[in-house]
């Protein structure tokens, strides 16, 4: 889905998971995961206290989808029935970093899904999708220094540590991982 295709209906499939655009029916899942102190331990500023806050977050996610044709996807097991709980979210958001427009890679899972390779599998799929469908746009992951699991996911998804881009985020220092940043050896933007 490129900039000219803003339908936002694309579903991504991995070996084990289906990623689809959130709908209003996902507000309860947004609330459940974003009010979990363990799920938001490294980003306490993302904690939600109420369902209306989850509704507002859904509206912002939906607005991003409408504007850009992509955003955060809901993660569900491919074999799940309609009653099975969603495992979390993974996707991309347009933002600015060091004066450049970038695609921020986001993944947040229900802690019950941790440790089974879910984040790596879905983040890798999202990065590969963006590398083809949103070619030429740098992808970044912002990771707290003590969030070793998140840093591991970023690297396994194909991003590289870029300490020169580290910056203060809402909840403290963001260590930056990139793919396609102009000074990376394999970047299509690299100056020769």
C-alpha atoms as a PDB file:
ATOM      1  CA  UNK A   1       0.000   0.000   0.000  1.00  0.00           C
ATOM      2  CA  UNK A   2       1.678   3.173  -1.133  1.00  0.00           C
ATOM      3  CA  UNK A   3       0.878   6.792  -0.502  1.00  0.00           C
ATOM      4  CA  UNK A   4      -1.757   6.727  -3.274  1.00  0.00           C
ATOM      5  CA  UNK A   5      -3.624   3.753  -1.797  1.00  0.00           C
ATOM      6  CA  UNK A   6      -5.289   4.835   1.406  1.00  0.00           C
ATOM      7  CA  UNK A   7      -7.853   2.068   1.785  1.00  0.00           C
ATOM      8  CA  UNK A   8      -6.040   0.692   4.819  1.00  0.00           C
ATOM      9  CA  UNK A   9      -7.603  -2.727   4.451  1.00  0.00           C
ATOM     10  CA  UNK A  10      -4.414  -4.718   3.944  1.00  0.00           C
ATOM     11  CA  UNK A  11      -3.969  -7.742   6.160  1.00  0.00           C
ATOM     12  CA  UNK A  12      -0.478  -9.066   6.800  1.00  0.00           C
ATOM     13  CA  UNK A  13       0.102 -12.746   7.424  1.00  0.00           C
ATOM     14  CA  UNK A  14       3.016 -14.428   9.117  1.00  0.00           C
ATOM     15  CA  UNK A  15       3.485 -18.130   9.618  1.00  0.00           C
ATOM     16  CA  UNK A  16       1.470 -18.016  12.857  1.00  0.00           C
ATOM     17  CA  UNK A  17      -0.295 -14.665  12.951  1.00  0.00           C
ATOM     18  CA  UNK A  18      -2.700 -12.384  11.169  1.00  0.00           C
ATOM     19  CA  UNK A  19      -2.204  -8.624  11.408  1.00  0.00           C
ATOM     20  CA  UNK A  20      -5.191  -6.434  10.577  1.00  0.00           C
ATOM     21  CA  UNK A  21      -6.210  -2.819  10.920  1.00  0.00           C
ATOM     22  CA  UNK A  22      -7.852  -2.051  14.263  1.00  0.00           C
ATOM     23  CA  UNK A  23     -11.597  -1.486  14.374  1.00  0.00           C
ATOM     24  CA  UNK A  24     -13.798   0.003  17.114  1.00  0.00           C
ATOM     25  CA  UNK A  25     -14.251  -3.566  18.384  1.00  0.00           C
ATOM     26  CA  UNK A  26     -10.566  -3.515  19.404  1.00  0.00           C
ATOM     27  CA  UNK A  27     -10.955  -0.688  21.939  1.00  0.00           C
ATOM     28  CA  UNK A  28     -11.312  -3.198  24.778  1.00  0.00           C
ATOM     29  CA  UNK A  29      -8.044  -4.878  23.732  1.00  0.00           C
ATOM     30  CA  UNK A  30      -6.314  -1.499  23.481  1.00  0.00           C
ATOM     31  CA  UNK A  31      -7.544  -0.724  26.984  1.00  0.00           C
ATOM     32  CA  UNK A  32      -6.636  -4.154  28.399  1.00  0.00           C
ATOM     33  CA  UNK A  33      -3.049  -4.086  27.127  1.00  0.00           C
ATOM     34  CA  UNK A  34      -2.365  -0.381  27.696  1.00  0.00           C
ATOM     35  CA  UNK A  35      -3.561  -0.456  31.294  1.00  0.00           C
ATOM     36  CA  UNK A  36      -1.315  -3.424  32.118  1.00  0.00           C
ATOM     37  CA  UNK A  37       1.656  -2.107  34.151  1.00  0.00           C
ATOM     38  CA  UNK A  38       3.839  -4.978  32.936  1.00  0.00           C
ATOM     39  CA  UNK A  39       3.037  -4.314  29.245  1.00  0.00           C
ATOM     40  CA  UNK A  40       3.862  -0.616  29.694  1.00  0.00           C
ATOM     41  CA  UNK A  41       6.705  -0.990  32.203  1.00  0.00           C
ATOM     42  CA  UNK A  42       9.296   0.570  29.886  1.00  0.00           C
ATOM     43  CA  UNK A  43       6.906   3.268  28.624  1.00  0.00           C
ATOM     44  CA  UNK A  44       4.753   4.286  31.596  1.00  0.00           C
ATOM     45  CA  UNK A  45       3.602   7.370  29.691  1.00  0.00           C
ATOM     46  CA  UNK A  46       1.627   5.006  27.441  1.00  0.00           C
ATOM     47  CA  UNK A  47      -0.463   3.656  30.340  1.00  0.00           C
ATOM     48  CA  UNK A  48      -4.196   4.200  30.024  1.00  0.00           C
ATOM     49  CA  UNK A  49      -6.410   4.657  33.054  1.00  0.00           C
ATOM     50  CA  UNK A  50      -9.832   4.479  31.424  1.00  0.00           C
ATOM     51  CA  UNK A  51     -11.784   3.128  28.494  1.00  0.00           C
ATOM     52  CA  UNK A  52     -12.374   6.673  27.128  1.00  0.00           C
ATOM     53  CA  UNK A  53      -8.576   7.030  26.897  1.00  0.00           C
ATOM     54  CA  UNK A  54      -8.490   3.781  24.903  1.00  0.00           C
ATOM     55  CA  UNK A  55     -11.220   5.145  22.626  1.00  0.00           C
ATOM     56  CA  UNK A  56      -9.142   8.276  22.077  1.00  0.00           C
ATOM     57  CA  UNK A  57      -6.034   6.195  21.310  1.00  0.00           C
ATOM     58  CA  UNK A  58      -8.055   4.126  18.821  1.00  0.00           C
ATOM     59  CA  UNK A  59      -9.255   7.348  17.127  1.00  0.00           C
ATOM     60  CA  UNK A  60      -5.650   8.562  16.769  1.00  0.00           C
ATOM     61  CA  UNK A  61      -4.586   5.202  15.320  1.00  0.00           C
ATOM     62  CA  UNK A  62      -7.553   5.247  12.940  1.00  0.00           C
ATOM     63  CA  UNK A  63      -6.770   8.813  11.882  1.00  0.00           C
ATOM     64  CA  UNK A  64      -3.205   7.743  11.043  1.00  0.00           C
ATOM     65  CA  UNK A  65      -4.572   4.884   8.927  1.00  0.00           C
ATOM     66  CA  UNK A  66      -6.918   7.258   7.091  1.00  0.00           C
ATOM     67  CA  UNK A  67      -4.155   9.793   6.457  1.00  0.00           C
ATOM     68  CA  UNK A  68      -1.307   7.422   5.538  1.00  0.00           C
ATOM     69  CA  UNK A  69      -2.938   4.129   4.510  1.00  0.00           C
ATOM     70  CA  UNK A  70      -1.052   2.163   7.177  1.00  0.00           C
ATOM     71  CA  UNK A  71      -0.482   2.227  10.912  1.00  0.00           C
ATOM     72  CA  UNK A  72      -0.659  -0.218  13.795  1.00  0.00           C
ATOM     73  CA  UNK A  73      -2.072  -3.682  13.196  1.00  0.00           C
ATOM     74  CA  UNK A  74      -3.853  -5.954  15.691  1.00  0.00           C
ATOM     75  CA  UNK A  75      -2.050  -9.278  16.174  1.00  0.00           C
ATOM     76  CA  UNK A  76      -4.153 -12.436  16.263  1.00  0.00           C
ATOM     77  CA  UNK A  77      -3.255 -16.097  15.929  1.00  0.00           C
ATOM     78  CA  UNK A  78      -4.119 -17.273  12.409  1.00  0.00           C
ATOM     79  CA  UNK A  79      -6.011 -20.239  13.811  1.00  0.00           C
ATOM     80  CA  UNK A  80      -7.973 -18.188  16.349  1.00  0.00           C
ATOM     81  CA  UNK A  81     -11.717 -18.253  16.512  1.00  0.00           C
ATOM     82  CA  UNK A  82     -13.586 -14.982  16.803  1.00  0.00           C
ATOM     83  CA  UNK A  83     -13.628 -15.223  20.610  1.00  0.00           C
ATOM     84  CA  UNK A  84      -9.832 -15.603  20.981  1.00  0.00           C
ATOM     85  CA  UNK A  85      -8.047 -12.641  22.515  1.00  0.00           C
ATOM     86  CA  UNK A  86      -5.806 -10.464  20.393  1.00  0.00           C
ATOM     87  CA  UNK A  87      -2.153 -10.696  21.421  1.00  0.00           C
ATOM     88  CA  UNK A  88      -1.235  -7.042  20.966  1.00  0.00           C
ATOM     89  CA  UNK A  89      -0.222  -4.544  18.315  1.00  0.00           C
ATOM     90  CA  UNK A  90       2.595  -3.975  15.865  1.00  0.00           C
ATOM     91  CA  UNK A  91       2.993  -1.428  13.117  1.00  0.00           C
ATOM     92  CA  UNK A  92       4.368   1.852  11.903  1.00  0.00           C
ATOM     93  CA  UNK A  93       3.675   5.496  12.622  1.00  0.00           C
ATOM     94  CA  UNK A  94       4.966   8.496  10.707  1.00  0.00           C
ATOM     95  CA  UNK A  95       7.004  10.737  12.986  1.00  0.00           C
ATOM     96  CA  UNK A  96      10.040  13.005  12.913  1.00  0.00           C
ATOM     97  CA  UNK A  97      13.498  12.112  14.205  1.00  0.00           C
ATOM     98  CA  UNK A  98      16.602  14.268  13.798  1.00  0.00           C
ATOM     99  CA  UNK A  99      14.783  16.461  11.289  1.00  0.00           C
ATOM    100  CA  UNK A 100      13.689  13.548   9.066  1.00  0.00           C
ATOM    101  CA  UNK A 101      10.337  11.938   8.503  1.00  0.00           C
ATOM    102  CA  UNK A 102      10.638   8.321   9.616  1.00  0.00           C
ATOM    103  CA  UNK A 103       8.483   5.279  10.195  1.00  0.00           C
ATOM    104  CA  UNK A 104       8.489   4.431  13.883  1.00  0.00           C
ATOM    105  CA  UNK A 105       8.221   0.673  14.476  1.00  0.00           C
ATOM    106  CA  UNK A 106       5.960  -0.095  17.432  1.00  0.00           C
ATOM    107  CA  UNK A 107       5.224  -3.405  19.097  1.00  0.00           C
ATOM    108  CA  UNK A 108       3.355  -3.939  22.331  1.00  0.00           C
ATOM    109  CA  UNK A 109       2.141  -7.351  23.388  1.00  0.00           C
ATOM    110  CA  UNK A 110       0.023  -8.751  26.138  1.00  0.00           C
ATOM    111  CA  UNK A 111       2.576 -10.190  28.598  1.00  0.00           C
ATOM    112  CA  UNK A 112       0.969 -13.638  28.217  1.00  0.00           C
ATOM    113  CA  UNK A 113       2.363 -13.638  24.646  1.00  0.00           C
ATOM    114  CA  UNK A 114       5.931 -12.796  25.685  1.00  0.00           C
ATOM    115  CA  UNK A 115       8.775 -15.222  25.166  1.00  0.00           C
ATOM    116  CA  UNK A 116       7.360 -17.143  22.196  1.00  0.00           C
ATOM    117  CA  UNK A 117       8.857 -15.083  19.363  1.00  0.00           C
ATOM    118  CA  UNK A 118       5.605 -13.262  18.613  1.00  0.00           C
ATOM    119  CA  UNK A 119       7.144  -9.767  18.593  1.00  0.00           C
ATOM    120  CA  UNK A 120      10.068 -10.834  16.400  1.00  0.00           C
ATOM    121  CA  UNK A 121       7.798 -12.593  13.907  1.00  0.00           C
ATOM    122  CA  UNK A 122       5.342  -9.730  13.514  1.00  0.00           C
ATOM    123  CA  UNK A 123       7.934  -6.927  13.638  1.00  0.00           C
ATOM    124  CA  UNK A 124      10.008  -8.667  10.947  1.00  0.00           C
ATOM    125  CA  UNK A 125       6.915  -8.963   8.757  1.00  0.00           C
ATOM    126  CA  UNK A 126       6.054  -5.281   9.245  1.00  0.00           C
ATOM    127  CA  UNK A 127       9.630  -4.172   8.464  1.00  0.00           C
ATOM    128  CA  UNK A 128       9.728  -6.348   5.328  1.00  0.00           C
ATOM    129  CA  UNK A 129       6.327  -4.989   4.236  1.00  0.00           C
ATOM    130  CA  UNK A 130       7.509  -1.395   4.726  1.00  0.00           C
ATOM    131  CA  UNK A 131      10.782  -2.055   2.895  1.00  0.00           C
ATOM    132  CA  UNK A 132       8.762  -2.999  -0.189  1.00  0.00           C
ATOM    133  CA  UNK A 133       5.602  -0.898   0.109  1.00  0.00           C
ATOM    134  CA  UNK A 134       7.077   2.255   1.670  1.00  0.00           C
ATOM    135  CA  UNK A 135      10.488   2.033   0.023  1.00  0.00           C
ATOM    136  CA  UNK A 136      12.989   4.762   0.763  1.00  0.00           C
ATOM    137  CA  UNK A 137      11.560   5.758   4.132  1.00  0.00           C
ATOM    138  CA  UNK A 138      13.803   5.144   7.138  1.00  0.00           C
ATOM    139  CA  UNK A 139      12.407   2.809   9.785  1.00  0.00           C
ATOM    140  CA  UNK A 140      13.322   3.386  13.425  1.00  0.00           C
ATOM    141  CA  UNK A 141      12.647   1.695  16.734  1.00  0.00           C
ATOM    142  CA  UNK A 142      12.935   3.702  19.950  1.00  0.00           C
ATOM    143  CA  UNK A 143      13.971   1.448  22.825  1.00  0.00           C
ATOM    144  CA  UNK A 144      14.557   2.169  26.513  1.00  0.00           C
ATOM    145  CA  UNK A 145      18.116   1.309  27.632  1.00  0.00           C
ATOM    146  CA  UNK A 146      16.935  -1.424  30.030  1.00  0.00           C
ATOM    147  CA  UNK A 147      14.479  -3.035  27.597  1.00  0.00           C
ATOM    148  CA  UNK A 148      16.759  -5.800  26.350  1.00  0.00           C
ATOM    149  CA  UNK A 149      13.883  -7.820  24.876  1.00  0.00           C
ATOM    150  CA  UNK A 150      12.705  -4.896  22.730  1.00  0.00           C
ATOM    151  CA  UNK A 151      16.247  -4.194  21.517  1.00  0.00           C
ATOM    152  CA  UNK A 152      16.601  -7.856  20.563  1.00  0.00           C
ATOM    153  CA  UNK A 153      13.353  -7.712  18.581  1.00  0.00           C
ATOM    154  CA  UNK A 154      14.525  -4.580  16.724  1.00  0.00           C
ATOM    155  CA  UNK A 155      17.802  -6.248  15.712  1.00  0.00           C
ATOM    156  CA  UNK A 156      16.106  -9.509  14.699  1.00  0.00           C
ATOM    157  CA  UNK A 157      13.643  -7.480  12.605  1.00  0.00           C
ATOM    158  CA  UNK A 158      16.575  -6.064  10.621  1.00  0.00           C
ATOM    159  CA  UNK A 159      17.308  -2.758  12.356  1.00  0.00           C
ATOM    160  CA  UNK A 160      20.772  -1.634  13.450  1.00  0.00           C
ATOM    161  CA  UNK A 161      21.829   0.305  16.528  1.00  0.00           C
ATOM    162  CA  UNK A 162      22.375   4.018  15.772  1.00  0.00           C
ATOM    163  CA  UNK A 163      23.716   5.607  18.986  1.00  0.00           C
ATOM    164  CA  UNK A 164      24.318   8.953  17.263  1.00  0.00           C
ATOM    165  CA  UNK A 165      20.519   9.299  16.997  1.00  0.00           C
ATOM    166  CA  UNK A 166      19.721   8.556  20.653  1.00  0.00           C
ATOM    167  CA  UNK A 167      17.372  11.158  22.072  1.00  0.00           C
ATOM    168  CA  UNK A 168      15.270  11.930  25.105  1.00  0.00           C
ATOM    169  CA  UNK A 169      11.790  10.491  24.782  1.00  0.00           C
ATOM    170  CA  UNK A 170       8.656  10.973  26.841  1.00  0.00           C
ATOM    171  CA  UNK A 171       9.731   8.344  29.372  1.00  0.00           C
ATOM    172  CA  UNK A 172      13.502   8.847  29.283  1.00  0.00           C
ATOM    173  CA  UNK A 173      16.356   8.069  26.929  1.00  0.00           C
ATOM    174  CA  UNK A 174      15.399   6.449  23.626  1.00  0.00           C
ATOM    175  CA  UNK A 175      18.079   4.233  22.140  1.00  0.00           C
ATOM    176  CA  UNK A 176      17.565   4.303  18.395  1.00  0.00           C
ATOM    177  CA  UNK A 177      17.697   1.382  15.994  1.00  0.00           C
ATOM    178  CA  UNK A 178      17.342   2.064  12.261  1.00  0.00           C
ATOM    179  CA  UNK A 179      16.927   0.556   8.856  1.00  0.00           C
ATOM    180  CA  UNK A 180      17.445   2.739   5.810  1.00  0.00           C
ATOM    181  CA  UNK A 181      18.916   5.724   7.656  1.00  0.00           C
ATOM    182  CA  UNK A 182      21.019   7.812   5.239  1.00  0.00           C
ATOM    183  CA  UNK A 183      24.383   7.050   6.869  1.00  0.00           C
ATOM    184  CA  UNK A 184      23.905   3.272   7.003  1.00  0.00           C
ATOM    185  CA  UNK A 185      26.208   1.409   4.587  1.00  0.00           C
ATOM    186  CA  UNK A 186      23.232  -0.309   2.903  1.00  0.00           C
ATOM    187  CA  UNK A 187      20.941   2.741   2.850  1.00  0.00           C
ATOM    188  CA  UNK A 188      19.560   3.914  -0.487  1.00  0.00           C
ATOM    189  CA  UNK A 189      20.058   7.487   0.854  1.00  0.00           C
ATOM    190  CA  UNK A 190      23.750   7.125   1.646  1.00  0.00           C
ATOM    191  CA  UNK A 191      25.877   9.888   0.197  1.00  0.00           C
ATOM    192  CA  UNK A 192      28.750   8.538  -1.852  1.00  0.00           C
END
